[in-house]
């Protein structure tokens, strides 16, 4: 019986097999890759040279399907075009330029420049869409992008689309899974409806939270052991909930609302608080 099971498993198509079948025009393989979701993104990108347009379109479809929240309008910014004459530019500088000249909601995750395939990129053209610019940026540096908290997040693929059972860095914050009291729910709704414009560079979550406290009148308790800054954090018309979730997840933190306060801490600490409240 064991050898029969082993034989069946050996015959089961791998993810790479499904990607190859998709590139050959197999509609069933395409549907399977869509169902696999973000797990298919990196294998697809590895095969991109075989059919760039076909792979790029499917990857974008998967990213849109994995967007959080589902109602986000962030992908719409990909179609905005502008003139670009960027030479020898760092990824963060390209993102700042795209923000300023297209209005696209873009945020950089933290990454070590030493991890990049190339430290700088050249992007030129009279009618370059945000999508084209980001695709060029990511192919040159090894970064990638996804749609989280109503912005486009640019970061390392292993944080956006981790393999196996590793949790992605970005997605629903703990406060979304929390069993909130009526009072805590009022605080949540207040912060969800309140929109903010933020422009920080190398600010910590604590520094940003102090600013949000002044704007919202809600207390923020932050436990950030690393205290590492967010390189560039520019957002417009973003809810305080989204702004907090985005900053927290960039710094490997999470948050809940407790007794009318926003409590920010490490993911492990917040998960423990959630478990204690069940």
C-alpha atoms as a PDB file:
ATOM      1  CA  UNK A   1       0.000   0.000   0.000  1.00  0.00           C
ATOM      2  CA  UNK A   2       2.845   2.388   0.870  1.00  0.00           C
ATOM      3  CA  UNK A   3       4.399   2.075  -2.580  1.00  0.00           C
ATOM      4  CA  UNK A   4       1.036   2.777  -4.214  1.00  0.00           C
ATOM      5  CA  UNK A   5       0.645   6.018  -2.221  1.00  0.00           C
ATOM      6  CA  UNK A   6       4.209   7.007  -3.079  1.00  0.00           C
ATOM      7  CA  UNK A   7       3.566   6.360  -6.775  1.00  0.00           C
ATOM      8  CA  UNK A   8       0.415   8.490  -6.708  1.00  0.00           C
ATOM      9  CA  UNK A   9       2.255  11.323  -4.995  1.00  0.00           C
ATOM     10  CA  UNK A  10       5.086  11.138  -7.532  1.00  0.00           C
ATOM     11  CA  UNK A  11       2.539  11.487 -10.331  1.00  0.00           C
ATOM     12  CA  UNK A  12       0.761  14.461  -8.754  1.00  0.00           C
ATOM     13  CA  UNK A  13       1.527  17.654 -10.667  1.00  0.00           C
ATOM     14  CA  UNK A  14       3.829  20.091  -8.930  1.00  0.00           C
ATOM     15  CA  UNK A  15       3.250  23.837  -8.884  1.00  0.00           C
ATOM     16  CA  UNK A  16       5.929  24.176 -11.547  1.00  0.00           C
ATOM     17  CA  UNK A  17       4.089  21.572 -13.666  1.00  0.00           C
ATOM     18  CA  UNK A  18       0.913  23.623 -13.405  1.00  0.00           C
ATOM     19  CA  UNK A  19       2.781  26.797 -14.391  1.00  0.00           C
ATOM     20  CA  UNK A  20       4.207  25.003 -17.452  1.00  0.00           C
ATOM     21  CA  UNK A  21       0.731  23.742 -18.366  1.00  0.00           C
ATOM     22  CA  UNK A  22      -0.688  27.256 -18.012  1.00  0.00           C
ATOM     23  CA  UNK A  23       2.002  28.618 -20.335  1.00  0.00           C
ATOM     24  CA  UNK A  24       1.013  25.957 -22.888  1.00  0.00           C
ATOM     25  CA  UNK A  25      -2.569  27.236 -22.800  1.00  0.00           C
ATOM     26  CA  UNK A  26      -4.160  24.768 -20.364  1.00  0.00           C
ATOM     27  CA  UNK A  27      -7.283  26.538 -19.037  1.00  0.00           C
ATOM     28  CA  UNK A  28      -7.575  24.064 -16.161  1.00  0.00           C
ATOM     29  CA  UNK A  29      -4.052  24.863 -15.007  1.00  0.00           C
ATOM     30  CA  UNK A  30      -4.885  28.558 -15.067  1.00  0.00           C
ATOM     31  CA  UNK A  31      -7.929  28.020 -12.841  1.00  0.00           C
ATOM     32  CA  UNK A  32      -5.850  25.891 -10.471  1.00  0.00           C
ATOM     33  CA  UNK A  33      -3.222  28.635 -10.178  1.00  0.00           C
ATOM     34  CA  UNK A  34      -5.930  31.180  -9.454  1.00  0.00           C
ATOM     35  CA  UNK A  35      -7.305  28.956  -6.697  1.00  0.00           C
ATOM     36  CA  UNK A  36      -3.830  28.499  -5.232  1.00  0.00           C
ATOM     37  CA  UNK A  37      -3.644  32.279  -4.964  1.00  0.00           C
ATOM     38  CA  UNK A  38      -0.495  33.938  -3.666  1.00  0.00           C
ATOM     39  CA  UNK A  39       1.351  30.609  -3.434  1.00  0.00           C
ATOM     40  CA  UNK A  40       1.463  30.664  -7.240  1.00  0.00           C
ATOM     41  CA  UNK A  41       2.897  34.178  -7.602  1.00  0.00           C
ATOM     42  CA  UNK A  42       6.585  33.469  -7.127  1.00  0.00           C
ATOM     43  CA  UNK A  43       6.667  30.286  -9.272  1.00  0.00           C
ATOM     44  CA  UNK A  44       4.854  32.199 -12.013  1.00  0.00           C
ATOM     45  CA  UNK A  45       7.324  35.058 -11.840  1.00  0.00           C
ATOM     46  CA  UNK A  46      10.232  32.630 -12.163  1.00  0.00           C
ATOM     47  CA  UNK A  47       8.763  31.473 -15.482  1.00  0.00           C
ATOM     48  CA  UNK A  48       8.006  34.989 -16.713  1.00  0.00           C
ATOM     49  CA  UNK A  49      10.605  35.019 -19.510  1.00  0.00           C
ATOM     50  CA  UNK A  50       8.663  32.267 -21.304  1.00  0.00           C
ATOM     51  CA  UNK A  51       5.582  34.486 -21.742  1.00  0.00           C
ATOM     52  CA  UNK A  52       5.929  37.879 -20.013  1.00  0.00           C
ATOM     53  CA  UNK A  53       2.521  39.370 -20.808  1.00  0.00           C
ATOM     54  CA  UNK A  54       0.632  36.175 -20.015  1.00  0.00           C
ATOM     55  CA  UNK A  55       2.392  35.723 -16.676  1.00  0.00           C
ATOM     56  CA  UNK A  56       2.136  39.390 -15.692  1.00  0.00           C
ATOM     57  CA  UNK A  57      -1.615  39.480 -16.311  1.00  0.00           C
ATOM     58  CA  UNK A  58      -2.288  36.337 -14.266  1.00  0.00           C
ATOM     59  CA  UNK A  59      -0.042  37.514 -11.432  1.00  0.00           C
ATOM     60  CA  UNK A  60      -1.881  40.823 -11.310  1.00  0.00           C
ATOM     61  CA  UNK A  61      -5.221  38.997 -11.237  1.00  0.00           C
ATOM     62  CA  UNK A  62      -4.005  36.880  -8.309  1.00  0.00           C
ATOM     63  CA  UNK A  63      -2.743  39.967  -6.471  1.00  0.00           C
ATOM     64  CA  UNK A  64      -6.100  41.694  -6.899  1.00  0.00           C
ATOM     65  CA  UNK A  65      -7.829  38.595  -5.571  1.00  0.00           C
ATOM     66  CA  UNK A  66      -5.545  38.608  -2.538  1.00  0.00           C
ATOM     67  CA  UNK A  67      -5.996  42.332  -1.852  1.00  0.00           C
ATOM     68  CA  UNK A  68      -6.993  43.450   1.627  1.00  0.00           C
ATOM     69  CA  UNK A  69      -9.575  44.808   1.978  1.00  0.00           C
ATOM     70  CA  UNK A  70     -11.368  43.306  -1.014  1.00  0.00           C
ATOM     71  CA  UNK A  71     -13.034  46.651  -1.763  1.00  0.00           C
ATOM     72  CA  UNK A  72      -9.726  48.503  -2.137  1.00  0.00           C
ATOM     73  CA  UNK A  73      -9.309  50.963  -4.997  1.00  0.00           C
ATOM     74  CA  UNK A  74      -5.498  50.832  -4.779  1.00  0.00           C
ATOM     75  CA  UNK A  75      -5.084  48.803  -8.027  1.00  0.00           C
ATOM     76  CA  UNK A  76      -6.769  51.615  -9.981  1.00  0.00           C
ATOM     77  CA  UNK A  77      -3.617  53.710  -9.569  1.00  0.00           C
ATOM     78  CA  UNK A  78      -1.649  51.234 -11.695  1.00  0.00           C
ATOM     79  CA  UNK A  79      -3.176  52.652 -14.866  1.00  0.00           C
ATOM     80  CA  UNK A  80      -2.160  56.285 -14.194  1.00  0.00           C
ATOM     81  CA  UNK A  81       0.597  57.454 -16.538  1.00  0.00           C
ATOM     82  CA  UNK A  82       3.303  60.063 -16.313  1.00  0.00           C
ATOM     83  CA  UNK A  83       6.582  61.042 -17.920  1.00  0.00           C
ATOM     84  CA  UNK A  84       9.574  59.422 -16.251  1.00  0.00           C
ATOM     85  CA  UNK A  85      13.239  60.235 -16.711  1.00  0.00           C
ATOM     86  CA  UNK A  86      14.726  58.371 -13.768  1.00  0.00           C
ATOM     87  CA  UNK A  87      18.332  57.272 -13.889  1.00  0.00           C
ATOM     88  CA  UNK A  88      20.301  55.468 -11.201  1.00  0.00           C
ATOM     89  CA  UNK A  89      17.491  55.938  -8.663  1.00  0.00           C
ATOM     90  CA  UNK A  90      16.987  54.029  -5.409  1.00  0.00           C
ATOM     91  CA  UNK A  91      13.651  52.193  -5.040  1.00  0.00           C
ATOM     92  CA  UNK A  92      12.432  54.570  -2.344  1.00  0.00           C
ATOM     93  CA  UNK A  93      13.187  57.577  -4.560  1.00  0.00           C
ATOM     94  CA  UNK A  94      11.226  56.035  -7.448  1.00  0.00           C
ATOM     95  CA  UNK A  95       8.263  55.491  -5.133  1.00  0.00           C
ATOM     96  CA  UNK A  96       8.381  59.083  -3.890  1.00  0.00           C
ATOM     97  CA  UNK A  97       8.481  60.331  -7.478  1.00  0.00           C
ATOM     98  CA  UNK A  98       5.489  58.182  -8.473  1.00  0.00           C
ATOM     99  CA  UNK A  99       3.575  59.413  -5.438  1.00  0.00           C
ATOM    100  CA  UNK A 100       4.192  63.040  -6.285  1.00  0.00           C
ATOM    101  CA  UNK A 101       3.472  62.898 -10.017  1.00  0.00           C
ATOM    102  CA  UNK A 102       0.689  60.306 -10.218  1.00  0.00           C
ATOM    103  CA  UNK A 103      -0.985  60.521  -6.802  1.00  0.00           C
ATOM    104  CA  UNK A 104      -0.613  56.742  -6.407  1.00  0.00           C
ATOM    105  CA  UNK A 105      -0.862  55.481  -2.827  1.00  0.00           C
ATOM    106  CA  UNK A 106       2.515  53.747  -2.454  1.00  0.00           C
ATOM    107  CA  UNK A 107       4.333  52.667   0.706  1.00  0.00           C
ATOM    108  CA  UNK A 108       7.741  51.002   1.087  1.00  0.00           C
ATOM    109  CA  UNK A 109       8.119  48.043   3.403  1.00  0.00           C
ATOM    110  CA  UNK A 110      11.418  47.822   5.288  1.00  0.00           C
ATOM    111  CA  UNK A 111      14.193  45.993   3.466  1.00  0.00           C
ATOM    112  CA  UNK A 112      17.961  45.852   3.545  1.00  0.00           C
ATOM    113  CA  UNK A 113      19.520  47.423   0.429  1.00  0.00           C
ATOM    114  CA  UNK A 114      22.072  44.606   0.522  1.00  0.00           C
ATOM    115  CA  UNK A 115      19.228  42.158  -0.237  1.00  0.00           C
ATOM    116  CA  UNK A 116      18.400  43.813  -3.563  1.00  0.00           C
ATOM    117  CA  UNK A 117      19.495  42.398  -6.914  1.00  0.00           C
ATOM    118  CA  UNK A 118      20.446  45.950  -7.881  1.00  0.00           C
ATOM    119  CA  UNK A 119      20.546  49.030  -5.628  1.00  0.00           C
ATOM    120  CA  UNK A 120      19.243  51.417  -8.291  1.00  0.00           C
ATOM    121  CA  UNK A 121      17.020  51.392 -11.362  1.00  0.00           C
ATOM    122  CA  UNK A 122      16.508  53.356 -14.596  1.00  0.00           C
ATOM    123  CA  UNK A 123      12.966  54.072 -15.786  1.00  0.00           C
ATOM    124  CA  UNK A 124      12.351  56.397 -18.715  1.00  0.00           C
ATOM    125  CA  UNK A 125       9.450  57.129 -21.044  1.00  0.00           C
ATOM    126  CA  UNK A 126       6.902  59.781 -21.968  1.00  0.00           C
ATOM    127  CA  UNK A 127       3.815  57.686 -21.094  1.00  0.00           C
ATOM    128  CA  UNK A 128       4.824  55.214 -18.391  1.00  0.00           C
ATOM    129  CA  UNK A 129       2.044  53.747 -16.253  1.00  0.00           C
ATOM    130  CA  UNK A 130       2.514  53.147 -12.555  1.00  0.00           C
ATOM    131  CA  UNK A 131       2.199  49.426 -13.278  1.00  0.00           C
ATOM    132  CA  UNK A 132       4.993  49.541 -15.858  1.00  0.00           C
ATOM    133  CA  UNK A 133       7.201  51.552 -13.522  1.00  0.00           C
ATOM    134  CA  UNK A 134       6.635  49.178 -10.609  1.00  0.00           C
ATOM    135  CA  UNK A 135       7.170  46.106 -12.778  1.00  0.00           C
ATOM    136  CA  UNK A 136      10.484  47.511 -14.016  1.00  0.00           C
ATOM    137  CA  UNK A 137      11.497  48.484 -10.495  1.00  0.00           C
ATOM    138  CA  UNK A 138      10.673  45.054  -9.115  1.00  0.00           C
ATOM    139  CA  UNK A 139      12.338  43.066 -11.877  1.00  0.00           C
ATOM    140  CA  UNK A 140      15.528  45.099 -11.484  1.00  0.00           C
ATOM    141  CA  UNK A 141      15.709  44.951  -7.688  1.00  0.00           C
ATOM    142  CA  UNK A 142      13.956  41.678  -6.813  1.00  0.00           C
ATOM    143  CA  UNK A 143      11.168  43.447  -4.923  1.00  0.00           C
ATOM    144  CA  UNK A 144       7.449  43.004  -5.524  1.00  0.00           C
ATOM    145  CA  UNK A 145       4.190  44.746  -4.664  1.00  0.00           C
ATOM    146  CA  UNK A 146       0.725  43.939  -3.355  1.00  0.00           C
ATOM    147  CA  UNK A 147      -2.467  45.727  -2.327  1.00  0.00           C
ATOM    148  CA  UNK A 148      -2.905  46.055   1.425  1.00  0.00           C
ATOM    149  CA  UNK A 149      -4.733  48.533   3.661  1.00  0.00           C
ATOM    150  CA  UNK A 150      -5.843  50.573   0.627  1.00  0.00           C
ATOM    151  CA  UNK A 151      -2.315  51.302  -0.586  1.00  0.00           C
ATOM    152  CA  UNK A 152       0.236  49.592  -2.827  1.00  0.00           C
ATOM    153  CA  UNK A 153       2.936  48.065  -0.618  1.00  0.00           C
ATOM    154  CA  UNK A 154       6.382  47.509  -2.174  1.00  0.00           C
ATOM    155  CA  UNK A 155       8.542  44.979  -0.381  1.00  0.00           C
ATOM    156  CA  UNK A 156      10.412  41.704  -0.502  1.00  0.00           C
ATOM    157  CA  UNK A 157       8.451  38.817  -2.088  1.00  0.00           C
ATOM    158  CA  UNK A 158       9.110  36.549   0.888  1.00  0.00           C
ATOM    159  CA  UNK A 159       7.249  38.996   3.135  1.00  0.00           C
ATOM    160  CA  UNK A 160       4.409  39.629   0.729  1.00  0.00           C
ATOM    161  CA  UNK A 161       3.987  36.042  -0.513  1.00  0.00           C
ATOM    162  CA  UNK A 162       5.754  33.658   1.897  1.00  0.00           C
ATOM    163  CA  UNK A 163       6.042  29.992   0.987  1.00  0.00           C
ATOM    164  CA  UNK A 164       4.410  27.194   2.953  1.00  0.00           C
ATOM    165  CA  UNK A 165       2.608  27.964   6.190  1.00  0.00           C
ATOM    166  CA  UNK A 166       4.591  31.105   7.020  1.00  0.00           C
ATOM    167  CA  UNK A 167       2.239  34.012   7.665  1.00  0.00           C
ATOM    168  CA  UNK A 168       2.389  36.966   5.294  1.00  0.00           C
ATOM    169  CA  UNK A 169       3.576  40.246   6.759  1.00  0.00           C
ATOM    170  CA  UNK A 170       0.471  42.105   5.552  1.00  0.00           C
ATOM    171  CA  UNK A 171      -3.235  41.410   5.855  1.00  0.00           C
ATOM    172  CA  UNK A 172      -6.111  41.686   8.333  1.00  0.00           C
ATOM    173  CA  UNK A 173      -4.889  43.142  11.655  1.00  0.00           C
ATOM    174  CA  UNK A 174      -5.757  41.471  14.960  1.00  0.00           C
ATOM    175  CA  UNK A 175      -8.366  44.124  15.707  1.00  0.00           C
ATOM    176  CA  UNK A 176     -10.437  42.680  12.836  1.00  0.00           C
ATOM    177  CA  UNK A 177     -10.470  39.268  14.530  1.00  0.00           C
ATOM    178  CA  UNK A 178     -11.030  40.657  18.016  1.00  0.00           C
ATOM    179  CA  UNK A 179     -14.260  40.119  19.942  1.00  0.00           C
ATOM    180  CA  UNK A 180     -14.802  43.800  20.688  1.00  0.00           C
ATOM    181  CA  UNK A 181     -17.013  45.127  23.458  1.00  0.00           C
ATOM    182  CA  UNK A 182     -19.657  47.709  22.457  1.00  0.00           C
ATOM    183  CA  UNK A 183     -17.411  50.507  23.750  1.00  0.00           C
ATOM    184  CA  UNK A 184     -14.382  49.141  21.928  1.00  0.00           C
ATOM    185  CA  UNK A 185     -16.479  48.843  18.793  1.00  0.00           C
ATOM    186  CA  UNK A 186     -17.357  52.532  19.032  1.00  0.00           C
ATOM    187  CA  UNK A 187     -13.641  53.350  19.200  1.00  0.00           C
ATOM    188  CA  UNK A 188     -12.981  51.081  16.236  1.00  0.00           C
ATOM    189  CA  UNK A 189     -15.701  52.707  14.127  1.00  0.00           C
ATOM    190  CA  UNK A 190     -14.487  56.177  15.082  1.00  0.00           C
ATOM    191  CA  UNK A 191     -10.950  55.359  13.925  1.00  0.00           C
ATOM    192  CA  UNK A 192     -12.187  53.536  10.813  1.00  0.00           C
ATOM    193  CA  UNK A 193     -14.184  56.557   9.658  1.00  0.00           C
ATOM    194  CA  UNK A 194     -11.501  59.116  10.529  1.00  0.00           C
ATOM    195  CA  UNK A 195      -9.241  59.871   7.543  1.00  0.00           C
ATOM    196  CA  UNK A 196      -5.689  61.191   7.882  1.00  0.00           C
ATOM    197  CA  UNK A 197      -2.853  62.456   5.707  1.00  0.00           C
ATOM    198  CA  UNK A 198       0.576  61.418   6.955  1.00  0.00           C
ATOM    199  CA  UNK A 199       4.057  62.320   5.760  1.00  0.00           C
ATOM    200  CA  UNK A 200       6.803  60.722   7.831  1.00  0.00           C
ATOM    201  CA  UNK A 201      10.353  59.710   7.069  1.00  0.00           C
ATOM    202  CA  UNK A 202      12.275  57.396   9.407  1.00  0.00           C
ATOM    203  CA  UNK A 203       9.559  57.681  12.056  1.00  0.00           C
ATOM    204  CA  UNK A 204       8.924  54.888  14.539  1.00  0.00           C
ATOM    205  CA  UNK A 205       5.486  53.414  15.184  1.00  0.00           C
ATOM    206  CA  UNK A 206       5.566  55.161  18.559  1.00  0.00           C
ATOM    207  CA  UNK A 207       6.226  58.532  16.919  1.00  0.00           C
ATOM    208  CA  UNK A 208       3.458  58.034  14.397  1.00  0.00           C
ATOM    209  CA  UNK A 209       1.061  56.836  17.105  1.00  0.00           C
ATOM    210  CA  UNK A 210       1.719  59.931  19.205  1.00  0.00           C
ATOM    211  CA  UNK A 211       0.664  62.021  16.223  1.00  0.00           C
ATOM    212  CA  UNK A 212      -2.470  59.922  15.665  1.00  0.00           C
ATOM    213  CA  UNK A 213      -3.336  60.307  19.339  1.00  0.00           C
ATOM    214  CA  UNK A 214      -3.289  64.106  18.952  1.00  0.00           C
ATOM    215  CA  UNK A 215      -5.518  63.920  15.887  1.00  0.00           C
ATOM    216  CA  UNK A 216      -8.016  61.368  17.155  1.00  0.00           C
ATOM    217  CA  UNK A 217      -8.072  61.943  20.908  1.00  0.00           C
ATOM    218  CA  UNK A 218      -7.630  58.171  21.369  1.00  0.00           C
ATOM    219  CA  UNK A 219      -4.802  56.833  23.528  1.00  0.00           C
ATOM    220  CA  UNK A 220      -2.213  54.620  21.823  1.00  0.00           C
ATOM    221  CA  UNK A 221      -0.150  52.238  23.962  1.00  0.00           C
ATOM    222  CA  UNK A 222       2.848  51.034  21.970  1.00  0.00           C
ATOM    223  CA  UNK A 223       5.274  48.257  22.853  1.00  0.00           C
ATOM    224  CA  UNK A 224       7.826  48.144  20.056  1.00  0.00           C
ATOM    225  CA  UNK A 225      10.962  46.338  21.304  1.00  0.00           C
ATOM    226  CA  UNK A 226      12.933  46.928  18.109  1.00  0.00           C
ATOM    227  CA  UNK A 227      11.852  50.520  17.621  1.00  0.00           C
ATOM    228  CA  UNK A 228      13.079  50.506  14.039  1.00  0.00           C
ATOM    229  CA  UNK A 229      11.862  53.360  11.830  1.00  0.00           C
ATOM    230  CA  UNK A 230       9.697  53.180   8.747  1.00  0.00           C
ATOM    231  CA  UNK A 231      11.841  54.578   5.884  1.00  0.00           C
ATOM    232  CA  UNK A 232       9.074  56.493   4.075  1.00  0.00           C
ATOM    233  CA  UNK A 233       5.460  56.661   5.142  1.00  0.00           C
ATOM    234  CA  UNK A 234       3.327  58.992   3.039  1.00  0.00           C
ATOM    235  CA  UNK A 235      -0.409  58.355   2.824  1.00  0.00           C
ATOM    236  CA  UNK A 236      -3.419  60.479   1.946  1.00  0.00           C
ATOM    237  CA  UNK A 237      -7.042  60.093   2.968  1.00  0.00           C
ATOM    238  CA  UNK A 238      -6.351  56.818   4.776  1.00  0.00           C
ATOM    239  CA  UNK A 239      -8.360  55.658   7.776  1.00  0.00           C
ATOM    240  CA  UNK A 240      -6.583  55.607  11.132  1.00  0.00           C
ATOM    241  CA  UNK A 241      -7.240  51.851  11.294  1.00  0.00           C
ATOM    242  CA  UNK A 242      -5.519  51.294   7.941  1.00  0.00           C
ATOM    243  CA  UNK A 243      -2.698  53.689   8.790  1.00  0.00           C
ATOM    244  CA  UNK A 244      -2.056  51.940  12.103  1.00  0.00           C
ATOM    245  CA  UNK A 245      -2.253  48.450  10.600  1.00  0.00           C
ATOM    246  CA  UNK A 246       0.119  49.353   7.778  1.00  0.00           C
ATOM    247  CA  UNK A 247       2.743  50.906  10.050  1.00  0.00           C
ATOM    248  CA  UNK A 248       2.447  48.098  12.585  1.00  0.00           C
ATOM    249  CA  UNK A 249       2.825  45.322  10.025  1.00  0.00           C
ATOM    250  CA  UNK A 250       5.827  46.997   8.408  1.00  0.00           C
ATOM    251  CA  UNK A 251       7.458  46.762  11.846  1.00  0.00           C
ATOM    252  CA  UNK A 252       6.236  43.206  12.596  1.00  0.00           C
ATOM    253  CA  UNK A 253       3.690  44.466  15.114  1.00  0.00           C
ATOM    254  CA  UNK A 254      -0.075  44.187  15.469  1.00  0.00           C
ATOM    255  CA  UNK A 255      -2.828  45.867  17.476  1.00  0.00           C
ATOM    256  CA  UNK A 256      -6.189  45.536  19.184  1.00  0.00           C
ATOM    257  CA  UNK A 257      -8.538  47.960  20.934  1.00  0.00           C
ATOM    258  CA  UNK A 258      -8.917  47.492  24.661  1.00  0.00           C
ATOM    259  CA  UNK A 259     -10.910  49.694  27.044  1.00  0.00           C
ATOM    260  CA  UNK A 260     -11.071  52.487  24.486  1.00  0.00           C
ATOM    261  CA  UNK A 261      -7.313  52.436  23.781  1.00  0.00           C
ATOM    262  CA  UNK A 262      -5.317  51.215  20.811  1.00  0.00           C
ATOM    263  CA  UNK A 263      -2.849  48.628  22.116  1.00  0.00           C
ATOM    264  CA  UNK A 264       0.101  47.987  19.772  1.00  0.00           C
ATOM    265  CA  UNK A 265       2.618  45.225  20.428  1.00  0.00           C
ATOM    266  CA  UNK A 266       4.514  42.332  18.917  1.00  0.00           C
ATOM    267  CA  UNK A 267       2.448  39.821  17.001  1.00  0.00           C
ATOM    268  CA  UNK A 268       3.032  37.209  19.698  1.00  0.00           C
ATOM    269  CA  UNK A 269       1.897  39.583  22.456  1.00  0.00           C
ATOM    270  CA  UNK A 270      -1.236  40.614  20.583  1.00  0.00           C
ATOM    271  CA  UNK A 271      -2.135  37.013  19.739  1.00  0.00           C
ATOM    272  CA  UNK A 272      -1.808  36.175  23.445  1.00  0.00           C
ATOM    273  CA  UNK A 273      -4.138  39.029  24.338  1.00  0.00           C
ATOM    274  CA  UNK A 274      -6.644  37.757  21.801  1.00  0.00           C
ATOM    275  CA  UNK A 275      -6.460  34.262  23.248  1.00  0.00           C
ATOM    276  CA  UNK A 276      -6.862  35.574  26.807  1.00  0.00           C
ATOM    277  CA  UNK A 277     -10.051  37.429  25.843  1.00  0.00           C
ATOM    278  CA  UNK A 278     -11.757  34.369  24.333  1.00  0.00           C
END
